[in-house]
């Protein structure tokens, strides 16, 4: 996705607002900002990161997850493509809360 580009998943519109470099206590990261809308109204903002730790120089991704009653919104940002865009993964995992509810019912 390019900054400013929007894609729709399960009725949610994800717009990649920007990707900025940030410094953490022991890593540097590219932090993306996804503005999420539903029914043309602001719903939430997600901040996934692609981190590189100082020791070992190992890259990791930190997913941004927004749980909802009907499912979880999940966004990940990856490497830059060299043309101003970024590799992204966006998912809607339905009924995750129901899975945990079912497990609790089975325990009781």
PDB file of N, CA and C in Angstrom:
ATOM      1  N   UNK A   1       0.844  -1.184   0.000  1.00  0.00           N
ATOM      2  CA  UNK A   1       0.000   0.000   0.000  1.00  0.00           C
ATOM      3  C   UNK A   1       0.882   1.237   0.000  1.00  0.00           C
ATOM      4  N   UNK A   2       0.388   2.251  -0.635  1.00  0.00           N
ATOM      5  CA  UNK A   2       1.031   3.563  -0.619  1.00  0.00           C
ATOM      6  C   UNK A   2       0.367   4.418   0.458  1.00  0.00           C
ATOM      7  N   UNK A   3       1.102   5.322   1.109  1.00  0.00           N
ATOM      8  CA  UNK A   3       0.453   6.229   2.063  1.00  0.00           C
ATOM      9  C   UNK A   3      -0.691   6.975   1.379  1.00  0.00           C
ATOM     10  N   UNK A   4      -1.831   7.004   2.059  1.00  0.00           N
ATOM     11  CA  UNK A   4      -3.029   7.620   1.509  1.00  0.00           C
ATOM     12  C   UNK A   4      -3.958   6.630   0.818  1.00  0.00           C
ATOM     13  N   UNK A   5      -3.475   5.428   0.547  1.00  0.00           N
ATOM     14  CA  UNK A   5      -4.280   4.410  -0.121  1.00  0.00           C
ATOM     15  C   UNK A   5      -5.224   3.751   0.875  1.00  0.00           C
ATOM     16  N   UNK A   6      -6.420   3.382   0.397  1.00  0.00           N
ATOM     17  CA  UNK A   6      -7.437   2.749   1.229  1.00  0.00           C
ATOM     18  C   UNK A   6      -7.813   1.406   0.636  1.00  0.00           C
ATOM     19  N   UNK A   7      -8.028   0.434   1.513  1.00  0.00           N
ATOM     20  CA  UNK A   7      -8.538  -0.867   1.100  1.00  0.00           C
ATOM     21  C   UNK A   7      -9.646  -1.266   2.061  1.00  0.00           C
ATOM     22  N   UNK A   8     -10.580  -2.075   1.575  1.00  0.00           N
ATOM     23  CA  UNK A   8     -11.714  -2.477   2.400  1.00  0.00           C
ATOM     24  C   UNK A   8     -11.662  -3.969   2.684  1.00  0.00           C
ATOM     25  N   UNK A   9     -11.854  -4.311   3.948  1.00  0.00           N
ATOM     26  CA  UNK A   9     -11.898  -5.693   4.408  1.00  0.00           C
ATOM     27  C   UNK A   9     -13.103  -5.829   5.334  1.00  0.00           C
ATOM     28  N   UNK A  10     -14.021  -6.714   5.010  1.00  0.00           N
ATOM     29  CA  UNK A  10     -15.174  -7.043   5.866  1.00  0.00           C
ATOM     30  C   UNK A  10     -15.957  -5.809   6.307  1.00  0.00           C
ATOM     31  N   UNK A  11     -16.114  -4.841   5.440  1.00  0.00           N
ATOM     32  CA  UNK A  11     -16.879  -3.641   5.767  1.00  0.00           C
ATOM     33  C   UNK A  11     -16.099  -2.559   6.487  1.00  0.00           C
ATOM     34  N   UNK A  12     -14.818  -2.777   6.739  1.00  0.00           N
ATOM     35  CA  UNK A  12     -13.942  -1.784   7.366  1.00  0.00           C
ATOM     36  C   UNK A  12     -13.025  -1.207   6.296  1.00  0.00           C
ATOM     37  N   UNK A  13     -12.874   0.113   6.285  1.00  0.00           N
ATOM     38  CA  UNK A  13     -11.971   0.767   5.345  1.00  0.00           C
ATOM     39  C   UNK A  13     -10.675   1.117   6.079  1.00  0.00           C
ATOM     40  N   UNK A  14      -9.569   0.540   5.622  1.00  0.00           N
ATOM     41  CA  UNK A  14      -8.248   0.774   6.202  1.00  0.00           C
ATOM     42  C   UNK A  14      -7.489   1.735   5.310  1.00  0.00           C
ATOM     43  N   UNK A  15      -7.081   2.879   5.855  1.00  0.00           N
ATOM     44  CA  UNK A  15      -6.282   3.849   5.122  1.00  0.00           C
ATOM     45  C   UNK A  15      -4.901   3.925   5.764  1.00  0.00           C
ATOM     46  N   UNK A  16      -3.873   3.679   4.948  1.00  0.00           N
ATOM     47  CA  UNK A  16      -2.498   3.823   5.429  1.00  0.00           C
ATOM     48  C   UNK A  16      -2.173   5.311   5.406  1.00  0.00           C
ATOM     49  N   UNK A  17      -2.172   5.947   6.574  1.00  0.00           N
ATOM     50  CA  UNK A  17      -1.939   7.390   6.653  1.00  0.00           C
ATOM     51  C   UNK A  17      -0.477   7.733   6.426  1.00  0.00           C
ATOM     52  N   UNK A  18       0.401   7.065   7.168  1.00  0.00           N
ATOM     53  CA  UNK A  18       1.837   7.320   7.012  1.00  0.00           C
ATOM     54  C   UNK A  18       2.637   6.207   7.668  1.00  0.00           C
ATOM     55  N   UNK A  19       3.911   6.204   7.372  1.00  0.00           N
ATOM     56  CA  UNK A  19       4.863   5.307   8.028  1.00  0.00           C
ATOM     57  C   UNK A  19       6.031   6.176   8.462  1.00  0.00           C
ATOM     58  N   UNK A  20       6.351   6.131   9.745  1.00  0.00           N
ATOM     59  CA  UNK A  20       7.427   6.968  10.266  1.00  0.00           C
ATOM     60  C   UNK A  20       8.425   6.109  11.040  1.00  0.00           C
ATOM     61  N   UNK A  21       9.660   6.580  11.095  1.00  0.00           N
ATOM     62  CA  UNK A  21      10.698   5.896  11.863  1.00  0.00           C
ATOM     63  C   UNK A  21      10.623   6.354  13.315  1.00  0.00           C
ATOM     64  N   UNK A  22      10.658   5.404  14.231  1.00  0.00           N
ATOM     65  CA  UNK A  22      10.632   5.707  15.666  1.00  0.00           C
ATOM     66  C   UNK A  22      11.745   4.935  16.352  1.00  0.00           C
ATOM     67  N   UNK A  23      12.149   5.423  17.499  1.00  0.00           N
ATOM     68  CA  UNK A  23      13.194   4.775  18.287  1.00  0.00           C
ATOM     69  C   UNK A  23      12.589   4.279  19.579  1.00  0.00           C
ATOM     70  N   UNK A  24      12.802   3.010  19.892  1.00  0.00           N
ATOM     71  CA  UNK A  24      12.362   2.429  21.154  1.00  0.00           C
ATOM     72  C   UNK A  24      13.547   2.289  22.088  1.00  0.00           C
ATOM     73  N   UNK A  25      13.351   1.662  23.245  1.00  0.00           N
ATOM     74  CA  UNK A  25      14.442   1.538  24.209  1.00  0.00           C
ATOM     75  C   UNK A  25      15.612   0.692  23.702  1.00  0.00           C
ATOM     76  N   UNK A  26      15.332  -0.299  22.868  1.00  0.00           N
ATOM     77  CA  UNK A  26      16.407  -1.146  22.353  1.00  0.00           C
ATOM     78  C   UNK A  26      16.175  -1.562  20.898  1.00  0.00           C
ATOM     79  N   UNK A  27      15.456  -0.729  20.151  1.00  0.00           N
ATOM     80  CA  UNK A  27      15.162  -1.034  18.756  1.00  0.00           C
ATOM     81  C   UNK A  27      14.864   0.246  17.974  1.00  0.00           C
ATOM     82  N   UNK A  28      14.919   0.133  16.674  1.00  0.00           N
ATOM     83  CA  UNK A  28      14.399   1.170  15.782  1.00  0.00           C
ATOM     84  C   UNK A  28      13.260   0.522  15.007  1.00  0.00           C
ATOM     85  N   UNK A  29      12.244   1.303  14.664  1.00  0.00           N
ATOM     86  CA  UNK A  29      11.069   0.725  14.034  1.00  0.00           C
ATOM     87  C   UNK A  29      10.505   1.652  12.973  1.00  0.00           C
ATOM     88  N   UNK A  30       9.837   1.040  12.021  1.00  0.00           N
ATOM     89  CA  UNK A  30       8.980   1.754  11.087  1.00  0.00           C
ATOM     90  C   UNK A  30       7.558   1.546  11.600  1.00  0.00           C
ATOM     91  N   UNK A  31       6.926   2.627  12.048  1.00  0.00           N
ATOM     92  CA  UNK A  31       5.568   2.543  12.607  1.00  0.00           C
ATOM     93  C   UNK A  31       4.565   3.086  11.593  1.00  0.00           C
ATOM     94  N   UNK A  32       3.604   2.247  11.257  1.00  0.00           N
ATOM     95  CA  UNK A  32       2.545   2.657  10.336  1.00  0.00           C
ATOM     96  C   UNK A  32       1.347   3.169  11.127  1.00  0.00           C
ATOM     97  N   UNK A  33       0.592   4.044  10.514  1.00  0.00           N
ATOM     98  CA  UNK A  33      -0.651   4.521  11.092  1.00  0.00           C
ATOM     99  C   UNK A  33      -1.775   4.161  10.128  1.00  0.00           C
ATOM    100  N   UNK A  34      -2.660   3.273  10.561  1.00  0.00           N
ATOM    101  CA  UNK A  34      -3.839   2.897   9.790  1.00  0.00           C
ATOM    102  C   UNK A  34      -5.058   3.521  10.443  1.00  0.00           C
ATOM    103  N   UNK A  35      -5.755   4.366   9.720  1.00  0.00           N
ATOM    104  CA  UNK A  35      -7.030   4.886  10.193  1.00  0.00           C
ATOM    105  C   UNK A  35      -8.116   3.957   9.669  1.00  0.00           C
ATOM    106  N   UNK A  36      -8.938   3.462  10.576  1.00  0.00           N
ATOM    107  CA  UNK A  36      -9.978   2.497  10.207  1.00  0.00           C
ATOM    108  C   UNK A  36     -11.331   3.181  10.342  1.00  0.00           C
ATOM    109  N   UNK A  37     -12.134   3.019   9.290  1.00  0.00           N
ATOM    110  CA  UNK A  37     -13.480   3.585   9.271  1.00  0.00           C
ATOM    111  C   UNK A  37     -14.482   2.462   9.043  1.00  0.00           C
ATOM    112  N   UNK A  38     -15.668   2.655   9.559  1.00  0.00           N
ATOM    113  CA  UNK A  38     -16.767   1.727   9.308  1.00  0.00           C
ATOM    114  C   UNK A  38     -18.022   2.549   9.102  1.00  0.00           C
ATOM    115  N   UNK A  39     -18.758   2.264   8.049  1.00  0.00           N
ATOM    116  CA  UNK A  39     -19.954   3.045   7.686  1.00  0.00           C
ATOM    117  C   UNK A  39     -19.615   4.536   7.558  1.00  0.00           C
ATOM    118  N   UNK A  40     -18.457   4.827   6.975  1.00  0.00           N
ATOM    119  CA  UNK A  40     -17.973   6.194   6.748  1.00  0.00           C
ATOM    120  C   UNK A  40     -17.809   7.001   8.026  1.00  0.00           C
ATOM    121  N   UNK A  41     -17.602   6.323   9.150  1.00  0.00           N
ATOM    122  CA  UNK A  41     -17.323   7.002  10.410  1.00  0.00           C
ATOM    123  C   UNK A  41     -16.025   6.442  10.991  1.00  0.00           C
ATOM    124  N   UNK A  42     -15.259   7.326  11.633  1.00  0.00           N
ATOM    125  CA  UNK A  42     -13.996   6.885  12.244  1.00  0.00           C
ATOM    126  C   UNK A  42     -14.293   5.785  13.258  1.00  0.00           C
ATOM    127  N   UNK A  43     -13.512   4.717  13.209  1.00  0.00           N
ATOM    128  CA  UNK A  43     -13.736   3.578  14.094  1.00  0.00           C
ATOM    129  C   UNK A  43     -12.575   3.394  15.075  1.00  0.00           C
ATOM    130  N   UNK A  44     -11.332   3.311  14.550  1.00  0.00           N
ATOM    131  CA  UNK A  44     -10.163   3.151  15.401  1.00  0.00           C
ATOM    132  C   UNK A  44      -8.921   3.494  14.590  1.00  0.00           C
ATOM    133  N   UNK A  45      -7.794   3.566  15.276  1.00  0.00           N
ATOM    134  CA  UNK A  45      -6.500   3.756  14.632  1.00  0.00           C
ATOM    135  C   UNK A  45      -5.576   2.643  15.099  1.00  0.00           C
ATOM    136  N   UNK A  46      -4.873   2.029  14.145  1.00  0.00           N
ATOM    137  CA  UNK A  46      -3.955   0.933  14.450  1.00  0.00           C
ATOM    138  C   UNK A  46      -2.529   1.369  14.148  1.00  0.00           C
ATOM    139  N   UNK A  47      -1.576   0.920  14.982  1.00  0.00           N
ATOM    140  CA  UNK A  47      -0.171   1.302  14.851  1.00  0.00           C
ATOM    141  C   UNK A  47       0.736   0.071  14.825  1.00  0.00           C
ATOM    142  N   UNK A  48       0.773  -0.676  13.730  1.00  0.00           N
ATOM    143  CA  UNK A  48       1.711  -1.803  13.661  1.00  0.00           C
ATOM    144  C   UNK A  48       3.134  -1.308  13.426  1.00  0.00           C
ATOM    145  N   UNK A  49       4.125  -2.141  13.773  1.00  0.00           N
ATOM    146  CA  UNK A  49       5.534  -1.751  13.629  1.00  0.00           C
ATOM    147  C   UNK A  49       6.351  -2.874  13.006  1.00  0.00           C
ATOM    148  N   UNK A  50       7.361  -2.479  12.269  1.00  0.00           N
ATOM    149  CA  UNK A  50       8.421  -3.384  11.813  1.00  0.00           C
ATOM    150  C   UNK A  50       9.653  -2.957  12.597  1.00  0.00           C
ATOM    151  N   UNK A  51      10.134  -3.808  13.524  1.00  0.00           N
ATOM    152  CA  UNK A  51      11.227  -3.461  14.426  1.00  0.00           C
ATOM    153  C   UNK A  51      12.520  -4.176  14.038  1.00  0.00           C
ATOM    154  N   UNK A  52      13.632  -3.483  14.304  1.00  0.00           N
ATOM    155  CA  UNK A  52      14.961  -4.092  14.213  1.00  0.00           C
ATOM    156  C   UNK A  52      15.648  -3.813  15.540  1.00  0.00           C
ATOM    157  N   UNK A  53      15.959  -4.887  16.251  1.00  0.00           N
ATOM    158  CA  UNK A  53      16.566  -4.751  17.579  1.00  0.00           C
ATOM    159  C   UNK A  53      18.056  -4.480  17.462  1.00  0.00           C
ATOM    160  N   UNK A  54      18.575  -3.669  18.406  1.00  0.00           N
ATOM    161  CA  UNK A  54      19.979  -3.267  18.393  1.00  0.00           C
ATOM    162  C   UNK A  54      20.914  -4.470  18.512  1.00  0.00           C
ATOM    163  N   UNK A  55      20.609  -5.382  19.387  1.00  0.00           N
ATOM    164  CA  UNK A  55      21.432  -6.568  19.581  1.00  0.00           C
ATOM    165  C   UNK A  55      20.958  -7.643  18.610  1.00  0.00           C
ATOM    166  N   UNK A  56      21.846  -8.115  17.792  1.00  0.00           N
ATOM    167  CA  UNK A  56      21.505  -9.175  16.856  1.00  0.00           C
ATOM    168  C   UNK A  56      20.931  -8.695  15.541  1.00  0.00           C
ATOM    169  N   UNK A  57      20.491  -7.451  15.484  1.00  0.00           N
ATOM    170  CA  UNK A  57      19.932  -6.873  14.257  1.00  0.00           C
ATOM    171  C   UNK A  57      18.819  -7.733  13.662  1.00  0.00           C
ATOM    172  N   UNK A  58      18.026  -8.364  14.515  1.00  0.00           N
ATOM    173  CA  UNK A  58      16.942  -9.224  14.064  1.00  0.00           C
ATOM    174  C   UNK A  58      15.683  -8.402  13.812  1.00  0.00           C
ATOM    175  N   UNK A  59      15.091  -8.528  12.625  1.00  0.00           N
ATOM    176  CA  UNK A  59      13.823  -7.827  12.368  1.00  0.00           C
ATOM    177  C   UNK A  59      12.636  -8.632  12.896  1.00  0.00           C
ATOM    178  N   UNK A  60      11.661  -7.937  13.426  1.00  0.00           N
ATOM    179  CA  UNK A  60      10.409  -8.555  13.856  1.00  0.00           C
ATOM    180  C   UNK A  60       9.261  -7.647  13.445  1.00  0.00           C
ATOM    181  N   UNK A  61       8.076  -8.185  13.427  1.00  0.00           N
ATOM    182  CA  UNK A  61       6.890  -7.367  13.170  1.00  0.00           C
ATOM    183  C   UNK A  61       6.009  -7.402  14.404  1.00  0.00           C
ATOM    184  N   UNK A  62       5.451  -6.265  14.729  1.00  0.00           N
ATOM    185  CA  UNK A  62       4.516  -6.143  15.840  1.00  0.00           C
ATOM    186  C   UNK A  62       3.150  -5.824  15.238  1.00  0.00           C
ATOM    187  N   UNK A  63       2.257  -6.771  15.321  1.00  0.00           N
ATOM    188  CA  UNK A  63       0.914  -6.590  14.763  1.00  0.00           C
ATOM    189  C   UNK A  63       0.109  -5.641  15.635  1.00  0.00           C
ATOM    190  N   UNK A  64      -0.786  -4.915  15.001  1.00  0.00           N
ATOM    191  CA  UNK A  64      -1.751  -4.097  15.728  1.00  0.00           C
ATOM    192  C   UNK A  64      -3.078  -4.855  15.664  1.00  0.00           C
ATOM    193  N   UNK A  65      -3.660  -5.124  16.822  1.00  0.00           N
ATOM    194  CA  UNK A  65      -4.895  -5.900  16.893  1.00  0.00           C
ATOM    195  C   UNK A  65      -5.942  -5.105  17.653  1.00  0.00           C
ATOM    196  N   UNK A  66      -7.136  -5.010  17.066  1.00  0.00           N
ATOM    197  CA  UNK A  66      -8.267  -4.337  17.727  1.00  0.00           C
ATOM    198  C   UNK A  66      -9.381  -5.362  17.889  1.00  0.00           C
ATOM    199  N   UNK A  67      -9.570  -5.876  19.116  1.00  0.00           N
ATOM    200  CA  UNK A  67     -10.642  -6.848  19.315  1.00  0.00           C
ATOM    201  C   UNK A  67     -12.015  -6.179  19.282  1.00  0.00           C
ATOM    202  N   UNK A  68     -12.968  -6.848  18.676  1.00  0.00           N
ATOM    203  CA  UNK A  68     -14.362  -6.408  18.668  1.00  0.00           C
ATOM    204  C   UNK A  68     -15.223  -7.598  19.057  1.00  0.00           C
ATOM    205  N   UNK A  69     -16.490  -7.363  19.300  1.00  0.00           N
ATOM    206  CA  UNK A  69     -17.400  -8.436  19.677  1.00  0.00           C
ATOM    207  C   UNK A  69     -17.553  -9.454  18.547  1.00  0.00           C
ATOM    208  N   UNK A  70     -17.558  -8.977  17.310  1.00  0.00           N
ATOM    209  CA  UNK A  70     -17.791  -9.859  16.158  1.00  0.00           C
ATOM    210  C   UNK A  70     -16.519 -10.387  15.521  1.00  0.00           C
ATOM    211  N   UNK A  71     -15.354  -9.908  15.936  1.00  0.00           N
ATOM    212  CA  UNK A  71     -14.093 -10.389  15.374  1.00  0.00           C
ATOM    213  C   UNK A  71     -12.972  -9.411  15.660  1.00  0.00           C
ATOM    214  N   UNK A  72     -11.760  -9.792  15.286  1.00  0.00           N
ATOM    215  CA  UNK A  72     -10.587  -8.960  15.535  1.00  0.00           C
ATOM    216  C   UNK A  72     -10.067  -8.353  14.239  1.00  0.00           C
ATOM    217  N   UNK A  73      -9.731  -7.069  14.300  1.00  0.00           N
ATOM    218  CA  UNK A  73      -9.049  -6.395  13.201  1.00  0.00           C
ATOM    219  C   UNK A  73      -7.556  -6.539  13.433  1.00  0.00           C
ATOM    220  N   UNK A  74      -6.827  -6.851  12.386  1.00  0.00           N
ATOM    221  CA  UNK A  74      -5.416  -7.200  12.510  1.00  0.00           C
ATOM    222  C   UNK A  74      -4.661  -6.530  11.371  1.00  0.00           C
ATOM    223  N   UNK A  75      -3.628  -5.751  11.674  1.00  0.00           N
ATOM    224  CA  UNK A  75      -2.830  -5.076  10.642  1.00  0.00           C
ATOM    225  C   UNK A  75      -1.351  -5.251  10.929  1.00  0.00           C
ATOM    226  N   UNK A  76      -0.567  -5.473   9.861  1.00  0.00           N
ATOM    227  CA  UNK A  76       0.881  -5.627   9.956  1.00  0.00           C
ATOM    228  C   UNK A  76       1.510  -4.821   8.835  1.00  0.00           C
ATOM    229  N   UNK A  77       2.612  -4.142   9.135  1.00  0.00           N
ATOM    230  CA  UNK A  77       3.374  -3.436   8.102  1.00  0.00           C
ATOM    231  C   UNK A  77       4.709  -4.143   7.943  1.00  0.00           C
ATOM    232  N   UNK A  78       5.157  -4.239   6.689  1.00  0.00           N
ATOM    233  CA  UNK A  78       6.420  -4.914   6.406  1.00  0.00           C
ATOM    234  C   UNK A  78       7.415  -3.959   5.777  1.00  0.00           C
ATOM    235  N   UNK A  79       8.208  -4.480   4.883  1.00  0.00           N
ATOM    236  CA  UNK A  79       9.279  -3.713   4.253  1.00  0.00           C
ATOM    237  C   UNK A  79       8.741  -2.711   3.240  1.00  0.00           C
ATOM    238  N   UNK A  80       9.514  -1.656   3.032  1.00  0.00           N
ATOM    239  CA  UNK A  80       9.224  -0.699   1.968  1.00  0.00           C
ATOM    240  C   UNK A  80       9.516  -1.369   0.630  1.00  0.00           C
ATOM    241  N   UNK A  81       8.724  -1.016  -0.393  1.00  0.00           N
ATOM    242  CA  UNK A  81       8.920  -1.640  -1.704  1.00  0.00           C
ATOM    243  C   UNK A  81       9.880  -0.870  -2.605  1.00  0.00           C
ATOM    244  N   UNK A  82      10.412   0.239  -2.134  1.00  0.00           N
ATOM    245  CA  UNK A  82      11.348   1.026  -2.924  1.00  0.00           C
ATOM    246  C   UNK A  82      10.683   2.074  -3.803  1.00  0.00           C
ATOM    247  N   UNK A  83       9.367   2.032  -3.907  1.00  0.00           N
ATOM    248  CA  UNK A  83       8.616   3.002  -4.717  1.00  0.00           C
ATOM    249  C   UNK A  83       7.697   3.864  -3.862  1.00  0.00           C
ATOM    250  N   UNK A  84       7.939   3.904  -2.555  1.00  0.00           N
ATOM    251  CA  UNK A  84       7.112   4.696  -1.652  1.00  0.00           C
ATOM    252  C   UNK A  84       6.002   3.906  -0.993  1.00  0.00           C
ATOM    253  N   UNK A  85       5.839   2.645  -1.355  1.00  0.00           N
ATOM    254  CA  UNK A  85       4.801   1.800  -0.777  1.00  0.00           C
ATOM    255  C   UNK A  85       5.379   0.843   0.249  1.00  0.00           C
ATOM    256  N   UNK A  86       4.491   0.133   0.924  1.00  0.00           N
ATOM    257  CA  UNK A  86       4.890  -0.813   1.967  1.00  0.00           C
ATOM    258  C   UNK A  86       4.095  -2.104   1.825  1.00  0.00           C
ATOM    259  N   UNK A  87       4.752  -3.196   2.139  1.00  0.00           N
ATOM    260  CA  UNK A  87       4.060  -4.477   2.195  1.00  0.00           C
ATOM    261  C   UNK A  87       3.175  -4.458   3.436  1.00  0.00           C
ATOM    262  N   UNK A  88       1.902  -4.770   3.276  1.00  0.00           N
ATOM    263  CA  UNK A  88       0.980  -4.775   4.405  1.00  0.00           C
ATOM    264  C   UNK A  88       0.161  -6.062   4.399  1.00  0.00           C
ATOM    265  N   UNK A  89      -0.281  -6.448   5.571  1.00  0.00           N
ATOM    266  CA  UNK A  89      -1.237  -7.547   5.720  1.00  0.00           C
ATOM    267  C   UNK A  89      -2.353  -7.043   6.617  1.00  0.00           C
ATOM    268  N   UNK A  90      -3.566  -7.191   6.135  1.00  0.00           N
ATOM    269  CA  UNK A  90      -4.734  -6.744   6.886  1.00  0.00           C
ATOM    270  C   UNK A  90      -5.737  -7.886   6.895  1.00  0.00           C
ATOM    271  N   UNK A  91      -6.233  -8.209   8.096  1.00  0.00           N
ATOM    272  CA  UNK A  91      -7.174  -9.309   8.244  1.00  0.00           C
ATOM    273  C   UNK A  91      -8.340  -8.897   9.129  1.00  0.00           C
ATOM    274  N   UNK A  92      -9.449  -9.572   8.929  1.00  0.00           N
ATOM    275  CA  UNK A  92     -10.550  -9.562   9.882  1.00  0.00           C
ATOM    276  C   UNK A  92     -10.770 -11.012  10.271  1.00  0.00           C
ATOM    277  N   UNK A  93     -10.510 -11.344  11.532  1.00  0.00           N
ATOM    278  CA  UNK A  93     -10.703 -12.700  12.044  1.00  0.00           C
ATOM    279  C   UNK A  93     -12.031 -12.744  12.777  1.00  0.00           C
ATOM    280  N   UNK A  94     -13.065 -13.344  12.162  1.00  0.00           N
ATOM    281  CA  UNK A  94     -14.398 -13.299  12.765  1.00  0.00           C
ATOM    282  C   UNK A  94     -14.549 -14.202  13.978  1.00  0.00           C
ATOM    283  N   UNK A  95     -15.403 -13.770  14.886  1.00  0.00           N
ATOM    284  CA  UNK A  95     -15.881 -14.552  16.023  1.00  0.00           C
ATOM    285  C   UNK A  95     -14.792 -15.040  16.976  1.00  0.00           C
ATOM    286  N   UNK A  96     -13.708 -14.293  17.106  1.00  0.00           N
ATOM    287  CA  UNK A  96     -12.637 -14.696  18.019  1.00  0.00           C
ATOM    288  C   UNK A  96     -13.128 -14.694  19.468  1.00  0.00           C
ATOM    289  N   UNK A  97     -13.887 -13.678  19.858  1.00  0.00           N
ATOM    290  CA  UNK A  97     -14.413 -13.616  21.228  1.00  0.00           C
ATOM    291  C   UNK A  97     -15.317 -14.807  21.515  1.00  0.00           C
ATOM    292  N   UNK A  98     -16.054 -15.260  20.531  1.00  0.00           N
ATOM    293  CA  UNK A  98     -16.942 -16.411  20.698  1.00  0.00           C
ATOM    294  C   UNK A  98     -16.138 -17.691  20.945  1.00  0.00           C
ATOM    295  N   UNK A  99     -14.955 -17.777  20.334  1.00  0.00           N
ATOM    296  CA  UNK A  99     -14.104 -18.943  20.556  1.00  0.00           C
ATOM    297  C   UNK A  99     -13.717 -19.018  22.036  1.00  0.00           C
ATOM    298  N   UNK A 100     -13.300 -17.880  22.608  1.00  0.00           N
ATOM    299  CA  UNK A 100     -12.929 -17.862  24.019  1.00  0.00           C
ATOM    300  C   UNK A 100     -14.144 -18.107  24.903  1.00  0.00           C
ATOM    301  N   UNK A 101     -15.290 -17.584  24.530  1.00  0.00           N
ATOM    302  CA  UNK A 101     -16.508 -17.811  25.290  1.00  0.00           C
ATOM    303  C   UNK A 101     -16.858 -19.301  25.298  1.00  0.00           C
ATOM    304  N   UNK A 102     -16.708 -19.949  24.142  1.00  0.00           N
ATOM    305  CA  UNK A 102     -16.979 -21.379  24.060  1.00  0.00           C
ATOM    306  C   UNK A 102     -16.042 -22.182  24.939  1.00  0.00           C
ATOM    307  N   UNK A 103     -14.777 -21.792  24.963  1.00  0.00           N
ATOM    308  CA  UNK A 103     -13.799 -22.494  25.805  1.00  0.00           C
ATOM    309  C   UNK A 103     -14.170 -22.343  27.296  1.00  0.00           C
ATOM    310  N   UNK A 104     -14.591 -21.149  27.694  1.00  0.00           N
ATOM    311  CA  UNK A 104     -15.000 -20.940  29.091  1.00  0.00           C
ATOM    312  C   UNK A 104     -16.231 -21.765  29.435  1.00  0.00           C
ATOM    313  N   UNK A 105     -17.177 -21.850  28.512  1.00  0.00           N
ATOM    314  CA  UNK A 105     -18.387 -22.643  28.758  1.00  0.00           C
ATOM    315  C   UNK A 105     -18.018 -24.107  28.951  1.00  0.00           C
ATOM    316  N   UNK A 106     -17.069 -24.590  28.140  1.00  0.00           N
ATOM    317  CA  UNK A 106     -16.646 -25.988  28.270  1.00  0.00           C
ATOM    318  C   UNK A 106     -15.958 -26.240  29.615  1.00  0.00           C
ATOM    319  N   UNK A 107     -15.203 -25.259  30.103  1.00  0.00           N
ATOM    320  CA  UNK A 107     -14.530 -25.409  31.397  1.00  0.00           C
ATOM    321  C   UNK A 107     -15.551 -25.533  32.521  1.00  0.00           C
ATOM    322  N   UNK A 108     -16.595 -24.693  32.448  1.00  0.00           N
ATOM    323  CA  UNK A 108     -17.624 -24.737  33.497  1.00  0.00           C
ATOM    324  C   UNK A 108     -18.517 -25.940  33.331  1.00  0.00           C
TER     325      UNK A 108
END
